[in-house]
Amino acid sequence: MSIRDTSAQDRIIEKRVSKKKLGVLAGIGVAVLLLLVWLLPGAIRLMGAGSSVSASRLQIATVERGDFVRDIAADGRVVAAVSPTLYARAGGAVVLKVHAGDKVAKDQVLAVIASPELTNKLAQEQNNEDAMQVAYEQAKIDANQQRSKLQEAFENAKIDAQSAKRDLARYQEAYQKGAVSKLDVDRHQDALEKAQIQMQHAQDNLGMDDSSLTLEIKAKKLAYDRQKLLVADVQRQVDELNVRSPVSGQVGQLFIAQTATVPKDAKLLTVVDLSALEVQVNVPESFARDLAAGMPAAISGNGNDWKGAVSAISPEVVNGEVVARVRFEGDKPKDLRQNQRLSVRIMLDKRDNVLTVARGSFVDESGGRYAYVVRDGIAYKTPVTLGPSSIDKVEILQGLKEGEKVVISGTDSFNGAAKVAISN
C-alpha cells in the first residue's frame, strides 16, 4: 500500500528584501569602492618604493630661508693671558721671598740672588770711574794753566814788538838829524823784526796748543763717559739680582728650592696676572682653517654671558685639534679663577637670506651629495649641493626648495634606495 506524500500541499514562499536594507548594502558598497579608489595611489606608490621605513625611526626637517650663522661651540678653560716666567740673570744662591699662591704687586722683590762676583766687579768699576773723573778734571786744570802760560808768552812778545817798533822810530828820527849812525838804525830794525817773529810764534803756539789741549780734555772726557756707561751696566746687573715681579698678580709655580744655587738663565718662578684672563678652547682641525684673530665670540658660565673675540690661534695641530685663545671684551669678569670651565661660541660667518635645513647625520652619511625629500609619504633621493655648516644648520646651495621636507636623520636604513616609503 503506497503512502502519499505532501508535495501537493507544498508551496513556494517568496522572500522579500526591504528597500531599507538594500539602501544600506548599496551604501557599504559605495564606501568600499571609494576607499579602494583612495588607497589605490598609495598602494601603487608603496609597490613602487624599494622599501618601507617607520616614521618613528626618522627625523624630518623643513627647508627654510633666513639668516645663517656659522659658529663653533666648545668648552674652554680660563687661563692667564699674561703669565711671565722669571729667570736668573746671574748665577748664585737664590733666596725666595714668596711662596706659591702668594699675591704680589708690580715691582715687588720675589727673590734675591747672591753674586759676590758682580758686587765686587761693580765696586772695581766704580773706583775706575772715580779715577777717570779725577783725570778728566785734572786735564781741564792743566789745560787752563797751559793756556795761561801761552797767553802770557804771547802778550810779552807783543809788548816786545811794540817796544822795538818805538825804538826804531826814535833812531830813524835821530838818524835824519845826524845824531846816530846808519848802523844803529839797522840794528834796531833787526830787533823789531826779531820781536815780530817771536810774537807770531807765540800766537801760533797759543792756537796749536789750545787745539791739543782741547783734544786731550775730550779724550779724558770720553774715557770717563765710557766708564760711567760700564758702571751703569754693571749696576743694572746688580739690581737684577733682586728679581722683581713684572705684573701684579699671583705667584704661580716655583721651579727651585729655597737657597738653591742656580746657573745663569735658570728658571725661577712664574707670575700669573689675574687681571688679564682669557679662555683657551680646542677647535677641530676642520674648523681651524676658517678661524681668524678678531672673530667675535660669546662666552658663558656661572649664569653670566660675556662678549669676546679670538685673540690667538696656535699653528700646531695636536690630536686633530687646534688651540685658540678668546679674550674678554668690555668690562673684565669678576670672580673667575684659573682653569675654570666656560662655554664658548665663536662666530665664523653670517649670511642673510639663504636656504638652510637642520643639520643631521645625512650630511655625513651621504657625503653632502644627496638628501631624501619627503612627498606624499615617499622619500625621494635627490641630488643636492651643500654649503658651509654650523652646529645646528647646513646651507643648501642647490637641489632643494623652501618648504620641502628632508629626512635629516635615520637614512642609514634606506640603503641608498631611490624611493623609500614612510609608514606611520
Protein backbone atom coordinates (compact mmCIF):
# COMPACT_ATOMS: atom_id res chain seq x y z
CA MET A 1 0.00 0.00 0.00
CA SER A 2 1.64 3.27 -1.08
CA ILE A 3 1.79 6.31 1.18
CA ARG A 4 1.02 9.59 -0.40
CA ASP A 5 3.48 12.49 0.21
CA THR A 6 2.62 16.09 0.96
CA SER A 7 4.07 17.54 -2.21
CA ALA A 8 0.70 18.51 -3.33
CA GLN A 9 0.31 20.55 -0.25
CA ASP A 10 3.75 22.43 -0.51
CA ARG A 11 4.00 25.95 -1.97
CA ILE A 12 6.91 28.32 -2.62
CA ILE A 13 7.02 31.38 -0.35
CA GLU A 14 8.85 34.34 -1.99
CA LYS A 15 11.50 36.03 0.17
CA ARG A 16 11.09 39.75 0.15
CA VAL A 17 14.01 42.17 0.90
CA SER A 18 13.15 45.54 2.30
CA LYS A 19 14.23 48.69 0.48
CA LYS A 20 15.91 49.98 3.60
CA LYS A 21 18.24 47.02 3.77
CA LEU A 22 19.04 47.37 0.09
CA GLY A 23 19.98 51.01 0.66
CA VAL A 24 22.36 50.10 3.48
CA LEU A 25 24.08 47.44 1.39
CA ALA A 26 24.40 49.84 -1.51
CA GLY A 27 25.97 52.46 0.77
CA ILE A 28 28.50 49.97 2.09
CA GLY A 29 29.44 49.01 -1.41
CA VAL A 30 29.96 52.61 -2.46
CA ALA A 31 32.09 53.29 0.65
CA VAL A 32 34.28 50.27 -0.05
CA LEU A 33 34.68 51.39 -3.64
CA LEU A 34 35.67 54.92 -2.59
CA LEU A 35 38.14 53.52 -0.05
CA LEU A 36 39.75 51.38 -2.72
CA VAL A 37 39.96 54.37 -5.04
CA TRP A 38 41.56 56.47 -2.28
CA LEU A 39 44.08 53.80 -1.25
CA LEU A 40 44.97 52.78 -4.76
CA PRO A 41 47.53 55.59 -5.44
CA GLY A 42 49.25 54.98 -2.10
CA ALA A 43 49.30 51.26 -2.79
CA ILE A 44 50.80 51.92 -6.18
CA ARG A 45 53.46 54.20 -4.57
CA LEU A 46 54.18 51.55 -1.95
CA MET A 47 54.65 48.95 -4.62
CA GLY A 48 56.98 51.35 -6.49
CA ALA A 49 59.11 52.11 -3.41
CA GLY A 50 62.17 49.98 -2.79
CA SER A 51 61.44 49.59 0.93
CA SER A 52 59.37 50.93 3.78
CA VAL A 53 60.62 52.59 6.98
CA SER A 54 58.66 53.62 10.01
CA ALA A 55 58.42 57.38 10.52
CA SER A 56 59.27 56.93 14.21
CA ARG A 57 62.82 55.98 13.21
CA LEU A 58 63.35 59.15 11.19
CA GLN A 59 63.90 62.81 11.89
CA ILE A 60 62.44 65.17 9.31
CA ALA A 61 63.11 68.90 8.99
CA THR A 62 61.80 71.68 6.76
CA VAL A 63 63.97 73.70 4.39
CA GLU A 64 63.82 77.34 5.49
CA ARG A 65 65.08 80.65 4.19
CA GLY A 66 66.67 83.14 6.57
CA ASP A 67 69.87 84.16 8.29
CA PHE A 68 72.63 81.62 8.55
CA VAL A 69 75.19 81.91 11.32
CA ARG A 70 78.15 79.58 11.15
CA ASP A 71 79.76 79.11 14.52
CA ILE A 72 81.72 76.74 16.70
CA ALA A 73 80.73 75.64 20.17
CA ALA A 74 83.36 74.35 22.54
CA ASP A 75 84.16 74.06 26.21
CA GLY A 76 87.10 76.17 27.30
CA ARG A 77 89.08 76.82 30.43
CA VAL A 78 90.18 80.11 31.91
CA VAL A 79 93.89 80.80 31.54
CA ALA A 80 96.07 83.81 32.26
CA ALA A 81 96.77 85.91 29.20
CA VAL A 82 99.94 87.18 30.88
CA SER A 83 101.95 84.63 32.82
CA PRO A 84 105.65 85.55 32.62
CA THR A 85 108.39 83.18 33.71
CA LEU A 86 111.25 84.79 35.63
CA TYR A 87 114.84 83.67 35.08
CA ALA A 88 118.11 84.14 36.96
CA ARG A 89 120.13 86.94 35.33
CA ALA A 90 123.27 85.69 37.08
CA GLY A 91 124.47 82.56 38.79
CA GLY A 92 124.39 82.29 42.55
CA ALA A 93 122.39 81.24 45.60
CA VAL A 94 118.71 82.27 45.41
CA VAL A 95 116.71 83.36 48.43
CA LEU A 96 112.97 83.21 47.72
CA LYS A 97 110.86 85.96 49.29
CA VAL A 98 107.44 84.48 48.39
CA HIS A 99 105.58 81.19 48.25
CA ALA A 100 103.40 79.65 45.53
CA GLY A 101 99.96 81.24 45.55
CA ASP A 102 101.04 84.49 47.22
CA LYS A 103 99.56 87.68 45.79
CA VAL A 104 102.22 90.13 44.65
CA ALA A 105 102.36 93.71 43.36
CA LYS A 106 104.24 95.00 40.35
CA ASP A 107 107.98 95.58 41.02
CA GLN A 108 107.79 93.65 44.29
CA VAL A 109 111.00 91.71 45.05
CA LEU A 110 110.25 87.99 44.73
CA ALA A 111 113.76 86.57 45.07
CA VAL A 112 117.31 87.73 45.71
CA ILE A 113 120.38 86.20 44.03
CA ALA A 114 123.70 86.36 45.91
CA SER A 115 126.54 87.03 43.42
CA PRO A 116 129.85 88.16 45.00
CA GLU A 117 131.47 88.37 41.56
CA LEU A 118 129.04 91.01 40.33
CA THR A 119 129.13 93.07 43.52
CA ASN A 120 132.95 93.08 43.51
CA LYS A 121 133.01 93.98 39.84
CA LEU A 122 130.68 96.89 40.49
CA ALA A 123 132.97 98.20 43.25
CA GLN A 124 136.03 97.95 40.98
CA GLU A 125 134.34 99.72 38.10
CA GLN A 126 133.09 102.47 40.42
CA ASN A 127 136.68 103.04 41.60
CA ASN A 128 137.85 103.22 37.99
CA GLU A 129 135.10 105.73 37.31
CA ASP A 130 136.28 107.92 40.19
CA ALA A 131 139.88 107.76 38.94
CA MET A 132 138.87 108.72 35.42
CA GLN A 133 136.79 111.58 36.73
CA VAL A 134 139.83 112.89 38.62
CA ALA A 135 141.96 112.54 35.48
CA TYR A 136 139.37 114.41 33.46
CA GLU A 137 139.13 117.24 35.99
CA GLN A 138 142.96 117.41 36.26
CA ALA A 139 143.24 117.61 32.48
CA LYS A 140 140.92 120.61 32.47
CA ILE A 141 143.01 122.33 35.20
CA ASP A 142 146.28 121.60 33.37
CA ALA A 143 144.83 122.89 30.15
CA ASN A 144 143.77 126.14 31.78
CA GLN A 145 147.24 126.62 33.28
CA GLN A 146 148.92 125.87 29.95
CA ARG A 147 146.64 128.32 28.18
CA SER A 148 147.53 130.99 30.74
CA LYS A 149 151.28 130.48 30.14
CA LEU A 150 150.90 130.58 26.37
CA GLN A 151 148.72 133.66 26.61
CA GLU A 152 151.34 135.31 28.83
CA ALA A 153 154.14 134.48 26.35
CA PHE A 154 152.11 135.92 23.51
CA GLU A 155 151.33 139.11 25.42
CA ASN A 156 155.05 139.57 26.34
CA ALA A 157 156.12 139.02 22.73
CA LYS A 158 153.53 141.54 21.62
CA ILE A 159 154.88 144.14 24.10
CA ASP A 160 158.48 143.46 22.97
CA ALA A 161 157.45 144.00 19.35
CA GLN A 162 155.75 147.30 20.20
CA SER A 163 158.82 148.46 22.20
CA ALA A 164 161.17 147.56 19.32
CA LYS A 165 158.95 149.45 16.92
CA ARG A 166 159.09 152.60 19.05
CA ASP A 167 162.87 152.34 19.43
CA LEU A 168 163.27 152.02 15.67
CA ALA A 169 161.12 155.09 15.14
CA ARG A 170 163.28 157.14 17.55
CA TYR A 171 166.55 156.04 15.94
CA GLN A 172 165.23 156.77 12.45
CA GLU A 173 164.31 160.32 13.58
CA ALA A 174 167.73 160.75 15.20
CA TYR A 175 169.49 159.46 12.09
CA GLN A 176 167.69 162.02 9.96
CA LYS A 177 169.02 164.75 12.33
CA GLY A 178 172.51 163.24 12.22
CA ALA A 179 172.54 162.20 15.86
CA VAL A 180 173.11 158.47 15.25
CA SER A 181 174.67 156.36 12.57
CA LYS A 182 173.01 154.22 9.97
CA LEU A 183 174.36 151.14 11.73
CA ASP A 184 172.33 151.90 14.86
CA VAL A 185 169.18 152.26 12.76
CA ASP A 186 169.81 148.90 11.05
CA ARG A 187 170.43 147.20 14.41
CA HIS A 188 167.08 148.41 15.76
CA GLN A 189 165.37 147.40 12.50
CA ASP A 190 166.65 143.85 13.04
CA ALA A 191 165.50 143.93 16.66
CA LEU A 192 161.97 144.88 15.54
CA GLU A 193 161.80 142.07 13.02
CA LYS A 194 163.04 139.60 15.61
CA ALA A 195 160.40 140.76 18.11
CA GLN A 196 157.68 140.47 15.47
CA ILE A 197 158.79 136.90 14.62
CA GLN A 198 158.73 135.93 18.29
CA MET A 199 155.25 137.44 18.66
CA GLN A 200 153.99 135.46 15.63
CA HIS A 201 155.43 132.24 17.02
CA ALA A 202 153.83 132.89 20.40
CA GLN A 203 150.48 133.47 18.70
CA ASP A 204 150.82 130.27 16.65
CA ASN A 205 151.79 128.28 19.74
CA LEU A 206 148.75 129.63 21.55
CA GLY A 207 146.43 128.37 18.79
CA MET A 208 148.08 124.97 18.29
CA ASP A 209 148.48 124.19 21.95
CA ASP A 210 144.90 125.22 22.59
CA SER A 211 143.69 122.65 20.00
CA SER A 212 145.97 120.00 21.50
CA LEU A 213 144.72 120.71 25.00
CA THR A 214 141.10 120.59 23.78
CA LEU A 215 141.68 117.17 22.22
CA GLU A 216 143.35 115.88 25.36
CA ILE A 217 140.45 117.04 27.50
CA LYS A 218 137.99 115.46 25.07
CA ALA A 219 139.86 112.13 25.22
CA LYS A 220 139.75 112.18 29.02
CA LYS A 221 136.05 113.01 28.94
CA LEU A 222 135.26 110.17 26.51
CA ALA A 223 137.14 107.69 28.68
CA TYR A 224 135.26 108.95 31.72
CA ASP A 225 131.87 108.73 29.94
CA ARG A 226 132.67 105.20 28.71
CA GLN A 227 133.49 104.15 32.25
CA LYS A 228 130.22 105.66 33.51
CA LEU A 229 128.30 103.54 30.98
CA LEU A 230 130.19 100.46 32.09
CA VAL A 231 129.38 101.19 35.72
CA ALA A 232 125.72 101.74 34.82
CA ASP A 233 125.61 98.37 33.04
CA VAL A 234 127.18 96.54 35.97
CA GLN A 235 124.83 98.41 38.33
CA ARG A 236 121.89 97.18 36.23
CA GLN A 237 123.16 93.62 36.54
CA VAL A 238 123.49 94.00 40.30
CA ASP A 239 119.97 95.47 40.51
CA GLU A 240 118.67 92.47 38.59
CA LEU A 241 119.91 90.25 41.39
CA ASN A 242 116.69 91.44 43.03
CA VAL A 243 114.11 89.51 40.97
CA ARG A 244 111.04 91.75 40.74
CA SER A 245 107.52 90.94 39.59
CA PRO A 246 106.77 92.45 36.15
CA VAL A 247 102.99 92.44 36.85
CA SER A 248 100.55 92.49 39.72
CA GLY A 249 99.06 89.07 40.28
CA GLN A 250 99.77 85.79 41.97
CA VAL A 251 102.85 83.59 42.26
CA GLY A 252 102.32 80.50 40.15
CA GLN A 253 104.87 77.73 40.09
CA LEU A 254 108.22 77.68 41.87
CA PHE A 255 110.94 75.86 39.94
CA ILE A 256 113.67 75.88 42.62
CA ALA A 257 114.03 75.19 46.31
CA GLN A 258 114.85 77.83 48.89
CA THR A 259 118.54 78.96 48.88
CA ALA A 260 119.30 76.77 45.87
CA THR A 261 122.38 77.64 43.80
CA VAL A 262 121.44 78.11 40.17
CA PRO A 263 123.34 78.95 36.95
CA LYS A 264 122.66 81.98 34.80
CA ASP A 265 119.32 81.90 32.89
CA ALA A 266 117.83 79.20 35.15
CA LYS A 267 114.03 79.24 35.60
CA LEU A 268 112.98 80.53 38.99
CA LEU A 269 109.20 81.02 39.13
CA THR A 270 106.11 82.19 37.26
CA VAL A 271 103.73 85.05 37.99
CA VAL A 272 100.08 84.94 36.90
CA ASP A 273 98.36 88.21 36.02
CA LEU A 274 94.81 87.62 37.27
CA SER A 275 93.58 90.89 35.77
CA ALA A 276 94.17 89.63 32.21
CA LEU A 277 92.28 86.36 31.74
CA GLU A 278 91.46 84.54 28.51
CA VAL A 279 89.60 81.36 27.60
CA GLN A 280 91.52 78.57 25.91
CA VAL A 281 89.48 76.30 23.62
CA ASN A 282 90.31 73.28 21.48
CA VAL A 283 88.87 73.64 17.97
CA PRO A 284 88.54 70.71 15.50
CA GLU A 285 91.03 70.90 12.67
CA SER A 286 88.22 71.07 10.09
CA PHE A 287 87.14 74.44 11.52
CA ALA A 288 90.63 75.72 12.29
CA ARG A 289 91.31 76.87 8.73
CA ASP A 290 88.35 79.24 8.98
CA LEU A 291 89.42 80.76 12.29
CA ALA A 292 90.96 84.21 12.30
CA ALA A 293 92.03 86.60 15.02
CA GLY A 294 89.36 89.15 15.89
CA MET A 295 86.33 86.90 15.20
CA PRO A 296 83.52 87.61 17.69
CA ALA A 297 82.70 85.06 20.36
CA ALA A 298 80.14 84.55 23.11
CA ILE A 299 81.35 83.27 26.48
CA SER A 300 79.00 81.91 29.13
CA GLY A 301 79.29 80.33 32.55
CA ASN A 302 78.15 80.72 36.14
CA GLY A 303 74.87 82.12 34.82
CA ASN A 304 76.64 85.02 33.11
CA ASP A 305 77.34 85.91 29.50
CA TRP A 306 80.29 87.91 28.18
CA LYS A 307 81.38 89.17 24.79
CA GLY A 308 84.73 88.08 23.49
CA ALA A 309 86.97 87.85 20.45
CA VAL A 310 89.57 85.39 19.18
CA SER A 311 92.98 86.68 20.22
CA ALA A 312 95.38 83.94 19.12
CA ILE A 313 95.43 80.66 17.17
CA SER A 314 98.12 78.04 17.56
CA PRO A 315 99.69 76.90 14.25
CA GLU A 316 100.22 73.41 15.65
CA VAL A 317 97.67 70.59 15.27
CA VAL A 318 97.56 68.11 18.17
CA ASN A 319 95.24 65.07 18.08
CA GLY A 320 93.18 66.66 15.30
CA GLU A 321 92.61 69.88 17.25
CA VAL A 322 94.00 73.40 17.28
CA VAL A 323 94.29 75.50 20.44
CA ALA A 324 92.78 79.00 20.26
CA ARG A 325 92.58 81.84 22.79
CA VAL A 326 89.48 84.02 23.29
CA ARG A 327 89.83 87.30 25.18
CA PHE A 328 87.11 89.11 27.09
CA GLU A 329 85.91 92.42 25.64
CA GLY A 330 84.49 95.30 27.63
CA ASP A 331 84.41 95.01 31.40
CA LYS A 332 86.58 92.25 32.79
CA PRO A 333 84.60 89.46 34.50
CA LYS A 334 84.91 89.10 38.23
CA ASP A 335 85.20 86.05 40.46
CA LEU A 336 86.79 83.91 37.76
CA ARG A 337 89.62 81.58 38.63
CA GLN A 338 92.27 79.90 36.56
CA ASN A 339 91.27 76.57 34.91
CA GLN A 340 87.57 77.31 35.44
CA ARG A 341 85.37 75.76 32.72
CA LEU A 342 83.29 78.04 30.45
CA SER A 343 81.28 77.57 27.26
CA VAL A 344 82.40 79.41 24.14
CA ARG A 345 80.70 80.00 20.78
CA ILE A 346 82.86 81.50 18.03
CA MET A 347 81.06 83.11 15.08
CA LEU A 348 82.84 82.16 11.86
CA ASP A 349 80.43 83.62 9.31
CA LYS A 350 76.99 85.23 8.97
CA ARG A 351 74.87 85.24 5.80
CA ASP A 352 71.45 86.70 5.11
CA ASN A 353 68.55 85.25 3.11
CA VAL A 354 69.94 81.78 2.41
CA LEU A 355 68.33 78.32 2.30
CA THR A 356 69.11 76.19 5.33
CA VAL A 357 68.00 72.94 6.89
CA ALA A 358 68.67 71.47 10.30
CA ARG A 359 71.96 69.63 10.41
CA GLY A 360 71.73 65.87 10.80
CA SER A 361 73.53 62.64 10.12
CA PHE A 362 72.55 62.76 6.42
CA VAL A 363 75.39 65.25 5.87
CA ASP A 364 77.98 62.64 6.80
CA GLU A 365 76.10 59.58 5.53
CA SER A 366 75.66 60.97 2.01
CA GLY A 367 78.85 62.93 1.95
CA GLY A 368 76.72 66.00 1.22
CA ARG A 369 75.87 64.69 -2.29
CA TYR A 370 72.17 63.86 -1.89
CA ALA A 371 69.23 64.10 0.50
CA TYR A 372 65.85 62.35 0.82
CA VAL A 373 62.93 64.71 0.16
CA VAL A 374 59.55 63.58 1.56
CA ARG A 375 56.48 63.95 -0.67
CA ASP A 376 53.15 62.16 -0.01
CA GLY A 377 54.72 59.62 2.35
CA ILE A 378 57.56 58.73 -0.02
CA ALA A 379 61.20 59.79 0.49
CA TYR A 380 62.84 60.57 -2.87
CA LYS A 381 66.61 60.51 -3.24
CA THR A 382 67.51 63.98 -4.55
CA PRO A 383 70.96 65.28 -5.58
CA VAL A 384 71.92 68.36 -3.56
CA THR A 385 74.86 70.69 -3.13
CA LEU A 386 75.56 71.67 0.47
CA GLY A 387 77.44 74.74 1.64
CA PRO A 388 79.06 75.53 4.97
CA SER A 389 77.58 74.01 8.10
CA SER A 390 77.23 75.25 11.64
CA ILE A 391 76.41 73.49 14.87
CA ASP A 392 72.70 73.08 14.09
CA LYS A 393 72.26 74.08 10.43
CA VAL A 394 73.69 73.48 6.98
CA GLU A 395 73.40 75.80 4.00
CA ILE A 396 71.66 74.50 0.84
CA LEU A 397 73.24 75.72 -2.39
CA GLN A 398 71.34 73.57 -4.94
CA GLY A 399 68.75 70.81 -5.13
CA LEU A 400 66.16 71.87 -2.54
CA LYS A 401 63.45 74.49 -2.27
CA GLU A 402 62.00 76.41 0.61
CA GLY A 403 59.30 74.45 2.45
CA GLU A 404 60.40 70.98 1.35
CA LYS A 405 60.65 68.21 3.94
CA VAL A 406 64.01 66.49 4.25
CA VAL A 407 64.98 63.38 6.20
CA ILE A 408 67.98 64.58 8.23
CA SER A 409 68.47 61.51 10.42
CA GLY A 410 67.87 57.77 10.01
CA THR A 411 68.74 57.50 6.32
CA ASP A 412 71.26 54.75 7.09
CA SER A 413 68.41 52.25 6.81
CA PHE A 414 67.49 53.44 3.29
CA ASN A 415 70.50 51.63 1.82
CA GLY A 416 70.76 54.24 -0.92
CA ALA A 417 67.34 53.37 -2.45
CA ALA A 418 65.87 55.85 -4.94
CA LYS A 419 62.46 55.73 -3.19
CA VAL A 420 61.58 54.75 0.35
CA ALA A 421 58.05 54.55 1.72
CA ILE A 422 57.50 56.12 5.12
CA SER A 423 54.88 54.33 7.15
CA ASN A 424 53.10 55.65 10.17
